[in-house]
Amino acid sequence: MLSEGALTGLKVVEFTDQVAGSFCARLLGDAGADVVKVEPLNGDRYRRNGPYPGGVPDPELSGLFLYLNSNKRGVTLDIESSKNRSAFLDLTSEADFLVVGQESGEVERLGLRRELLAAAHPELIVTSITPFGLIGPNSSYLGDELIAISAGGMAYATPGIPDKVGDPHLEPPLRSNTHMAGYLAGVQGAVASVAALLSRTIQGTGCEIDLSMQEAVAAVMPYELAHASYDEAKPRKPKVFGVMPNAYLPCQDGYVVVMAVMEAHWRNLMALADNPDWAELEVFSSGVERARNWDALEPLLLEWTMAHTGAEIAQLAQDKGIPCFPAYTVGQMVDSAHVTERNFMIDMEATGGQRFKLPGYPVRLEKTPWQLFRPAPKLGEHTAEVLDEWLGYSPEQILALGAVSA
């Protein structure tokens, strides 16, 4: 029996082939819902994407799959076969949520719109996460992570301030080295799903959530969208942004982020640097002037930052009330004392005994704290268990499906 969570007692069926749907369902599972991930017989695509321990491909050890699918049970069904589709529909008829992460054409082709499922289960909440949404001129377009980031405008808004761009018109679009669109859409999908659950308690019926990955990306870019609305020239990046310093600065062991944007911050920063004469120059007299003359100011600041490590600068600055922190590598973040003490990185053990760390849950709930209820499922691990527990299928019925089961 699982420990209690905020959503304990609720059931989720997940059918997705992208990060967004998997992450949405994982967040519901992290909160205690019983999430059943339905995979095709050859497994989720991210079983075949690493990283793997030692670089050796193993569908049970993909780091990305293990992260996206903890706190879930795994079922394998070929929902395009009549017998397996019947079992899939039986599962959805018992669920509170169906999380669908597909291209919209597949959602339509496979009959996963709520209007087709509501007759058998009017309380079902269907959360559909697609590249461009279920309606609109581009709704049928195919898309993936890179396309969603590009269509949402984020690729052309990257790099952002304070990163340097020689000529904004010549700089190619860039993307983060993570599934940014997928995680953004997954978070918004989980929030919308819980909101729909609250609505169901009032209205008595479920609903369909139509979530566009393109819009999930654009929704977190109000600064860039405001510029596009207000500026006739629509520059990729304004020449002067706010006030400075608010930047990454090289130091002895990497980079440190210094945000001395208020005048009190600036004065305290200069005190730490022994109040150099140049700090009194008219060209550095205000945050706006320091931004306008950043090319002249930056090398002067580097004389001080390069004499210290990032941790030293951060401690000195924080003691003076200046927002400041080293620019961590991923490894430095994982091994940092603060992250370790907060138990954010969770030790996990794979089937072969390999140990690794994956992120836990960044939200701490007082009454129902996050727990790792179970690791990500092996392929088909819970097929028989779920079909028996949820649907009362006999061993003979399960065997007749021809689905992989452990």
Protein backbone atom coordinates (compact mmCIF):
# COMPACT_ATOMS: atom_id res chain seq x y z
CA MET A 1 0.00 0.00 0.00
CA LEU A 2 1.40 3.38 -0.96
CA SER A 3 1.97 6.04 1.67
CA GLU A 4 -0.50 8.89 1.77
CA GLY A 5 -0.02 11.80 -0.61
CA ALA A 6 -2.03 14.89 -1.44
CA LEU A 7 -3.72 13.10 -4.37
CA THR A 8 -3.91 9.62 -2.84
CA GLY A 9 -7.00 7.78 -4.04
CA LEU A 10 -6.99 9.35 -7.52
CA LYS A 11 -6.15 7.34 -10.62
CA VAL A 12 -4.24 8.51 -13.68
CA VAL A 13 -3.74 6.78 -17.03
CA GLU A 14 -0.83 8.18 -19.04
CA PHE A 15 -0.43 7.63 -22.76
CA THR A 16 2.35 9.78 -24.14
CA ASP A 17 5.43 9.73 -26.33
CA GLN A 18 6.96 13.03 -25.20
CA VAL A 19 8.49 14.61 -22.10
CA ALA A 20 5.58 16.97 -21.42
CA GLY A 21 2.95 14.30 -20.87
CA SER A 22 5.30 12.07 -18.90
CA PHE A 23 6.35 14.93 -16.62
CA CYS A 24 2.74 16.04 -16.12
CA ALA A 25 1.75 12.53 -15.05
CA ARG A 26 4.85 12.19 -12.89
CA LEU A 27 3.93 15.33 -10.95
CA LEU A 28 0.49 13.87 -10.26
CA GLY A 29 2.16 10.65 -9.15
CA ASP A 30 4.58 12.56 -6.93
CA ALA A 31 1.54 13.97 -5.14
CA GLY A 32 0.25 10.46 -4.44
CA ALA A 33 -2.01 9.64 -7.38
CA ASP A 34 -1.88 6.06 -8.70
CA VAL A 35 -0.36 6.66 -12.15
CA VAL A 36 -0.46 3.87 -14.72
CA LYS A 37 1.84 4.50 -17.66
CA VAL A 38 0.65 2.71 -20.80
CA GLU A 39 3.55 1.93 -23.12
CA PRO A 40 3.57 0.29 -26.56
CA LEU A 41 4.94 -3.25 -26.64
CA ASN A 42 8.41 -1.99 -27.63
CA GLY A 43 8.45 0.53 -24.82
CA ASP A 44 8.51 4.30 -24.38
CA ARG A 45 10.85 6.10 -26.77
CA TYR A 46 12.88 7.53 -23.89
CA ARG A 47 13.95 4.05 -22.83
CA ARG A 48 16.12 4.25 -25.95
CA ASN A 49 17.54 7.69 -25.12
CA GLY A 50 20.32 7.93 -22.55
CA PRO A 51 22.20 8.75 -20.58
CA TYR A 52 23.01 5.21 -19.47
CA PRO A 53 25.38 4.01 -16.72
CA GLY A 54 28.79 3.59 -18.30
CA GLY A 55 27.34 4.66 -21.64
CA VAL A 56 25.98 1.15 -22.28
CA PRO A 57 22.43 1.29 -23.73
CA ASP A 58 19.85 -0.48 -21.56
CA PRO A 59 16.11 0.26 -21.87
CA GLU A 60 15.70 -0.23 -18.12
CA LEU A 61 18.47 2.23 -17.18
CA SER A 62 17.87 5.39 -19.24
CA GLY A 63 18.40 8.29 -16.86
CA LEU A 64 15.76 10.39 -18.59
CA PHE A 65 13.18 7.61 -18.50
CA LEU A 66 13.90 6.83 -14.85
CA TYR A 67 13.44 10.48 -13.90
CA LEU A 68 10.24 11.05 -15.88
CA ASN A 69 8.55 7.86 -14.71
CA SER A 70 9.23 7.41 -11.02
CA ASN A 71 6.10 7.02 -8.89
CA LYS A 72 4.28 5.20 -11.70
CA ARG A 73 3.25 1.67 -12.54
CA GLY A 74 3.92 0.36 -16.02
CA VAL A 75 1.54 -1.44 -18.37
CA THR A 76 2.20 -2.49 -21.96
CA LEU A 77 -0.67 -2.46 -24.44
CA ASP A 78 -0.92 -2.13 -28.20
CA ILE A 79 -3.95 0.15 -28.17
CA GLU A 80 -4.37 -0.19 -31.94
CA SER A 81 -5.31 -3.85 -31.58
CA SER A 82 -8.95 -4.41 -30.73
CA LYS A 83 -8.34 -6.53 -27.60
CA ASN A 84 -5.69 -4.21 -26.19
CA ARG A 85 -7.71 -1.10 -27.03
CA SER A 86 -10.66 -2.51 -25.13
CA ALA A 87 -8.43 -2.99 -22.08
CA PHE A 88 -7.07 0.55 -22.48
CA LEU A 89 -10.60 2.00 -22.59
CA ASP A 90 -11.51 -0.06 -19.53
CA LEU A 91 -8.56 1.54 -17.71
CA THR A 92 -9.64 5.05 -18.71
CA SER A 93 -13.19 4.30 -17.52
CA GLU A 94 -11.74 3.71 -14.04
CA ALA A 95 -9.43 6.75 -14.06
CA ASP A 96 -9.86 10.29 -12.83
CA PHE A 97 -7.33 11.62 -15.37
CA LEU A 98 -6.15 10.61 -18.81
CA VAL A 99 -2.91 12.37 -19.68
CA VAL A 100 -2.27 12.31 -23.42
CA GLY A 101 1.02 13.52 -24.86
CA GLN A 102 0.92 13.04 -28.62
CA GLU A 103 0.71 15.08 -31.80
CA SER A 104 -2.85 16.24 -32.35
CA GLY A 105 -3.31 14.05 -35.43
CA GLU A 106 -2.56 11.00 -33.30
CA VAL A 107 -4.96 12.16 -30.61
CA GLU A 108 -7.72 12.35 -33.23
CA ARG A 109 -6.74 9.13 -35.01
CA LEU A 110 -6.64 7.11 -31.80
CA GLY A 111 -9.95 8.52 -30.58
CA LEU A 112 -8.54 10.11 -27.44
CA ARG A 113 -10.66 13.26 -27.44
CA ARG A 114 -12.79 13.55 -24.33
CA GLU A 115 -16.01 13.89 -26.35
CA LEU A 116 -15.52 10.26 -27.43
CA LEU A 117 -14.70 9.03 -23.94
CA ALA A 118 -17.22 11.04 -21.91
CA ALA A 119 -20.21 8.83 -22.66
CA ALA A 120 -18.64 5.97 -20.72
CA HIS A 121 -17.06 8.21 -18.10
CA PRO A 122 -18.46 11.77 -17.79
CA GLU A 123 -16.19 12.57 -14.82
CA LEU A 124 -12.98 11.86 -16.74
CA ILE A 125 -10.49 14.73 -17.06
CA VAL A 126 -8.47 14.48 -20.28
CA THR A 127 -5.26 16.51 -20.37
CA SER A 128 -4.02 16.65 -23.96
CA ILE A 129 -0.55 18.12 -24.50
CA THR A 130 0.31 18.59 -28.15
CA PRO A 131 2.89 20.69 -30.05
CA PHE A 132 0.39 23.31 -31.28
CA GLY A 133 -2.88 22.52 -29.50
CA LEU A 134 -5.99 20.73 -30.72
CA ILE A 135 -7.42 23.66 -32.68
CA GLY A 136 -5.96 26.37 -34.90
CA PRO A 137 -4.33 26.52 -38.37
CA ASN A 138 -1.18 24.71 -37.19
CA SER A 139 -2.86 22.20 -34.90
CA SER A 140 -2.13 19.30 -37.25
CA TYR A 141 1.56 20.19 -37.58
CA LEU A 142 4.08 17.65 -36.35
CA GLY A 143 6.50 18.86 -33.71
CA ASP A 144 9.01 18.01 -31.04
CA GLU A 145 10.94 19.78 -28.28
CA LEU A 146 13.09 21.86 -30.63
CA ILE A 147 10.10 22.87 -32.73
CA ALA A 148 8.07 23.90 -29.66
CA ILE A 149 10.95 26.03 -28.33
CA SER A 150 11.39 27.63 -31.75
CA ALA A 151 7.67 28.15 -32.39
CA GLY A 152 7.24 29.69 -28.94
CA GLY A 153 9.94 32.29 -29.62
CA MET A 154 12.38 31.13 -26.95
CA ALA A 155 15.07 29.92 -29.37
CA TYR A 156 15.35 33.39 -30.91
CA ALA A 157 15.24 35.05 -27.49
CA THR A 158 18.27 32.98 -26.44
CA PRO A 159 20.89 33.87 -25.39
CA GLY A 160 19.36 36.36 -23.02
CA ILE A 161 20.78 39.15 -20.94
CA PRO A 162 23.53 39.27 -19.75
CA ASP A 163 24.86 36.94 -22.45
CA LYS A 164 26.70 38.74 -25.21
CA VAL A 165 25.55 38.84 -28.79
CA GLY A 166 27.83 40.50 -31.32
CA ASP A 167 25.14 41.09 -33.93
CA PRO A 168 21.61 40.05 -32.89
CA HIS A 169 20.54 39.82 -36.52
CA LEU A 170 23.27 37.29 -37.33
CA GLU A 171 23.10 35.21 -34.14
CA PRO A 172 21.33 31.88 -34.83
CA PRO A 173 18.45 30.64 -32.65
CA LEU A 174 19.65 28.68 -29.62
CA ARG A 175 18.04 26.26 -27.19
CA SER A 176 18.73 25.09 -23.67
CA ASN A 177 20.36 21.70 -23.25
CA THR A 178 17.23 20.31 -21.61
CA HIS A 179 13.63 19.61 -22.59
CA MET A 180 12.53 23.09 -21.60
CA ALA A 181 9.27 23.05 -23.59
CA GLY A 182 8.38 19.62 -22.26
CA TYR A 183 8.94 20.50 -18.63
CA LEU A 184 7.14 23.85 -18.93
CA ALA A 185 4.14 22.19 -20.56
CA GLY A 186 4.25 19.34 -18.05
CA VAL A 187 4.09 21.68 -15.08
CA GLN A 188 1.26 23.69 -16.62
CA GLY A 189 -0.56 20.48 -17.50
CA ALA A 190 -0.37 19.22 -13.92
CA VAL A 191 -1.59 22.56 -12.54
CA ALA A 192 -4.47 22.62 -15.03
CA SER A 193 -5.37 19.02 -14.18
CA VAL A 194 -5.65 19.78 -10.47
CA ALA A 195 -7.69 22.91 -11.26
CA ALA A 196 -10.01 20.75 -13.36
CA LEU A 197 -10.31 18.34 -10.44
CA LEU A 198 -11.47 21.18 -8.21
CA SER A 199 -13.95 22.23 -10.88
CA ARG A 200 -15.25 18.67 -11.07
CA THR A 201 -16.10 18.72 -7.37
CA ILE A 202 -18.38 21.69 -8.09
CA GLN A 203 -19.72 20.91 -11.57
CA GLY A 204 -19.82 17.13 -11.25
CA THR A 205 -18.27 16.50 -14.67
CA GLY A 206 -14.82 16.29 -16.13
CA CYS A 207 -13.40 18.33 -18.98
CA GLU A 208 -10.79 18.38 -21.72
CA ILE A 209 -7.60 20.39 -21.23
CA ASP A 210 -6.09 21.55 -24.53
CA LEU A 211 -2.47 22.49 -23.83
CA SER A 212 -0.18 23.73 -26.60
CA MET A 213 3.55 23.31 -26.02
CA GLN A 214 4.14 26.39 -28.20
CA GLU A 215 1.93 28.46 -25.90
CA ALA A 216 3.47 26.92 -22.76
CA VAL A 217 6.82 28.29 -23.93
CA ALA A 218 5.46 31.69 -24.94
CA ALA A 219 3.58 32.05 -21.65
CA VAL A 220 6.84 32.41 -19.69
CA MET A 221 8.24 35.15 -21.94
CA PRO A 222 6.33 38.32 -20.97
CA TYR A 223 9.42 40.54 -21.20
CA GLU A 224 10.19 39.46 -24.77
CA LEU A 225 6.53 39.57 -25.79
CA ALA A 226 6.15 43.07 -24.36
CA HIS A 227 9.12 44.23 -26.42
CA ALA A 228 7.59 42.68 -29.52
CA SER A 229 4.37 44.56 -28.81
CA TYR A 230 5.84 47.94 -27.88
CA ASP A 231 8.86 48.24 -30.17
CA GLU A 232 8.16 48.83 -33.84
CA ALA A 233 11.63 47.61 -34.77
CA LYS A 234 11.14 44.47 -32.68
CA PRO A 235 14.85 44.01 -31.92
CA ARG A 236 16.03 40.62 -30.81
CA LYS A 237 17.67 42.17 -27.79
CA PRO A 238 17.68 45.78 -26.58
CA LYS A 239 21.07 47.49 -26.51
CA VAL A 240 20.57 48.66 -22.92
CA PHE A 241 18.65 46.62 -20.37
CA GLY A 242 17.65 48.11 -17.04
CA VAL A 243 20.57 48.73 -14.75
CA MET A 244 23.95 47.12 -14.15
CA PRO A 245 25.80 45.19 -12.76
CA ASN A 246 23.47 42.25 -13.27
CA ALA A 247 25.73 39.76 -14.97
CA TYR A 248 27.95 36.69 -14.96
CA LEU A 249 31.50 37.77 -14.17
CA PRO A 250 34.61 35.58 -14.54
CA CYS A 251 36.38 34.78 -11.27
CA GLN A 252 39.24 32.53 -10.17
CA ASP A 253 37.33 29.27 -10.49
CA GLY A 254 34.63 29.97 -13.08
CA TYR A 255 31.89 32.57 -13.02
CA VAL A 256 29.96 34.42 -10.35
CA VAL A 257 26.59 36.14 -10.75
CA VAL A 258 26.52 39.65 -9.28
CA MET A 259 23.26 41.59 -9.07
CA ALA A 260 24.21 45.01 -7.70
CA VAL A 261 21.34 46.87 -9.35
CA MET A 262 20.25 49.10 -6.47
CA GLU A 263 22.41 52.04 -5.46
CA ALA A 264 22.93 50.53 -1.99
CA HIS A 265 24.10 47.33 -3.67
CA TRP A 266 26.52 49.27 -5.86
CA ARG A 267 27.98 51.23 -2.95
CA ASN A 268 28.48 48.07 -0.92
CA LEU A 269 30.07 46.32 -3.89
CA MET A 270 32.50 49.17 -4.35
CA ALA A 271 33.31 49.06 -0.64
CA LEU A 272 34.23 45.40 -1.04
CA ALA A 273 36.49 46.41 -3.95
CA ASP A 274 38.21 49.04 -1.71
CA ASN A 275 36.36 51.98 -3.29
CA PRO A 276 38.43 52.44 -6.46
CA ASP A 277 38.70 55.96 -7.91
CA TRP A 278 36.90 54.97 -11.10
CA ALA A 279 33.73 54.18 -9.10
CA GLU A 280 33.17 57.95 -8.80
CA LEU A 281 33.27 58.62 -12.55
CA GLU A 282 30.18 60.23 -14.06
CA VAL A 283 29.83 57.37 -16.57
CA PHE A 284 29.17 54.99 -13.63
CA SER A 285 27.02 57.37 -11.59
CA SER A 286 23.76 55.40 -11.88
CA GLY A 287 22.54 51.96 -12.78
CA VAL A 288 21.39 53.16 -16.19
CA GLU A 289 24.75 54.82 -16.87
CA ARG A 290 26.55 51.68 -15.77
CA ALA A 291 24.46 49.68 -18.21
CA ARG A 292 25.10 52.17 -21.01
CA ASN A 293 28.84 52.01 -20.32
CA TRP A 294 29.04 48.33 -19.46
CA ASP A 295 31.85 47.67 -21.96
CA ALA A 296 34.05 50.04 -19.94
CA LEU A 297 32.86 48.91 -16.51
CA GLU A 298 33.10 45.15 -16.92
CA PRO A 299 36.91 44.90 -17.25
CA LEU A 300 37.32 47.14 -14.21
CA LEU A 301 35.11 44.83 -12.13
CA LEU A 302 37.08 41.82 -13.37
CA GLU A 303 40.22 43.11 -11.69
CA TRP A 304 38.44 42.41 -8.38
CA THR A 305 36.48 39.27 -9.23
CA MET A 306 39.52 37.54 -10.74
CA ALA A 307 41.29 37.90 -7.38
CA HIS A 308 38.67 35.70 -5.64
CA THR A 309 36.77 32.46 -6.06
CA GLY A 310 33.06 32.49 -6.74
CA ALA A 311 32.29 31.23 -3.23
CA GLU A 312 34.43 33.95 -1.66
CA ILE A 313 32.73 36.69 -3.68
CA ALA A 314 29.27 35.30 -2.92
CA GLN A 315 29.94 35.19 0.81
CA LEU A 316 31.40 38.71 0.88
CA ALA A 317 28.54 40.09 -1.20
CA GLN A 318 25.76 38.30 0.68
CA ASP A 319 27.18 39.58 3.96
CA LYS A 320 26.73 43.09 2.53
CA GLY A 321 23.18 42.39 1.33
CA ILE A 322 24.13 42.06 -2.35
CA PRO A 323 22.38 39.24 -4.31
CA CYS A 324 25.26 37.10 -5.55
CA PHE A 325 26.06 33.43 -6.15
CA PRO A 326 28.56 31.28 -8.07
CA ALA A 327 27.41 30.06 -11.48
CA TYR A 328 27.32 26.35 -10.68
CA THR A 329 28.00 23.55 -13.07
CA VAL A 330 25.43 20.76 -12.77
CA GLY A 331 27.94 18.71 -10.80
CA GLN A 332 28.64 21.56 -8.39
CA MET A 333 24.92 21.98 -7.76
CA VAL A 334 24.45 18.27 -7.07
CA ASP A 335 27.37 18.13 -4.64
CA SER A 336 26.73 21.45 -2.88
CA ALA A 337 26.23 21.36 0.88
CA HIS A 338 22.93 23.26 0.66
CA VAL A 339 21.31 20.90 -1.86
CA THR A 340 22.65 17.91 0.08
CA GLU A 341 21.21 19.10 3.39
CA ARG A 342 17.80 19.71 1.82
CA ASN A 343 17.84 16.15 0.41
CA PHE A 344 16.80 17.35 -3.03
CA MET A 345 18.84 14.77 -4.95
CA ILE A 346 17.45 11.29 -4.33
CA ASP A 347 19.59 8.14 -4.29
CA MET A 348 18.13 5.48 -6.54
CA GLU A 349 19.20 1.93 -7.29
CA ALA A 350 18.72 0.30 -10.68
CA THR A 351 17.88 -3.33 -11.33
CA GLY A 352 21.55 -4.26 -11.72
CA GLY A 353 22.54 -2.59 -8.48
CA GLN A 354 23.81 0.61 -10.13
CA ARG A 355 23.32 3.66 -7.93
CA PHE A 356 22.64 7.16 -9.22
CA LYS A 357 21.05 10.42 -8.16
CA LEU A 358 17.97 12.06 -9.65
CA PRO A 359 16.13 15.24 -8.60
CA GLY A 360 13.40 14.91 -6.02
CA TYR A 361 10.45 17.28 -5.71
CA PRO A 362 11.15 21.02 -5.33
CA VAL A 363 7.88 21.63 -3.45
CA ARG A 364 7.72 20.78 0.25
CA LEU A 365 4.22 20.06 1.51
CA GLU A 366 3.85 20.13 5.28
CA LYS A 367 1.08 17.56 5.67
CA THR A 368 1.86 15.29 2.71
CA PRO A 369 5.60 15.56 2.00
CA TRP A 370 7.00 14.23 -1.24
CA GLN A 371 8.08 10.61 -1.26
CA LEU A 372 9.60 8.25 -3.76
CA PHE A 373 6.76 5.76 -3.67
CA ARG A 374 8.34 3.56 -6.32
CA PRO A 375 11.06 3.75 -8.99
CA ALA A 376 10.23 3.91 -12.70
CA PRO A 377 8.72 0.64 -13.92
CA LYS A 378 10.45 -1.98 -15.97
CA LEU A 379 8.80 -2.59 -19.32
CA GLY A 380 5.42 -4.19 -18.67
CA GLU A 381 6.23 -4.70 -15.00
CA HIS A 382 2.72 -4.05 -13.66
CA THR A 383 0.53 -5.15 -16.59
CA ALA A 384 -1.02 -8.13 -14.84
CA GLU A 385 -1.14 -6.37 -11.47
CA VAL A 386 -3.01 -3.29 -12.74
CA LEU A 387 -5.44 -5.17 -14.99
CA ASP A 388 -6.30 -7.40 -12.04
CA GLU A 389 -6.45 -4.63 -9.42
CA TRP A 390 -8.23 -1.95 -11.47
CA LEU A 391 -10.40 -4.13 -13.72
CA GLY A 392 -10.63 -7.55 -12.13
CA TYR A 393 -9.25 -9.27 -15.25
CA SER A 394 -8.53 -12.95 -14.82
CA PRO A 395 -5.09 -14.42 -15.63
CA GLU A 396 -6.64 -15.94 -18.74
CA GLN A 397 -7.98 -12.59 -19.93
CA ILE A 398 -4.60 -10.95 -19.37
CA LEU A 399 -2.79 -13.74 -21.20
CA ALA A 400 -5.22 -13.42 -24.11
CA LEU A 401 -4.20 -9.78 -24.58
CA GLY A 402 -0.72 -10.86 -25.63
CA ALA A 403 0.76 -7.90 -23.74
CA VAL A 404 4.16 -8.00 -22.08
CA SER A 405 3.83 -8.58 -18.35
CA ALA A 406 6.23 -9.28 -15.53
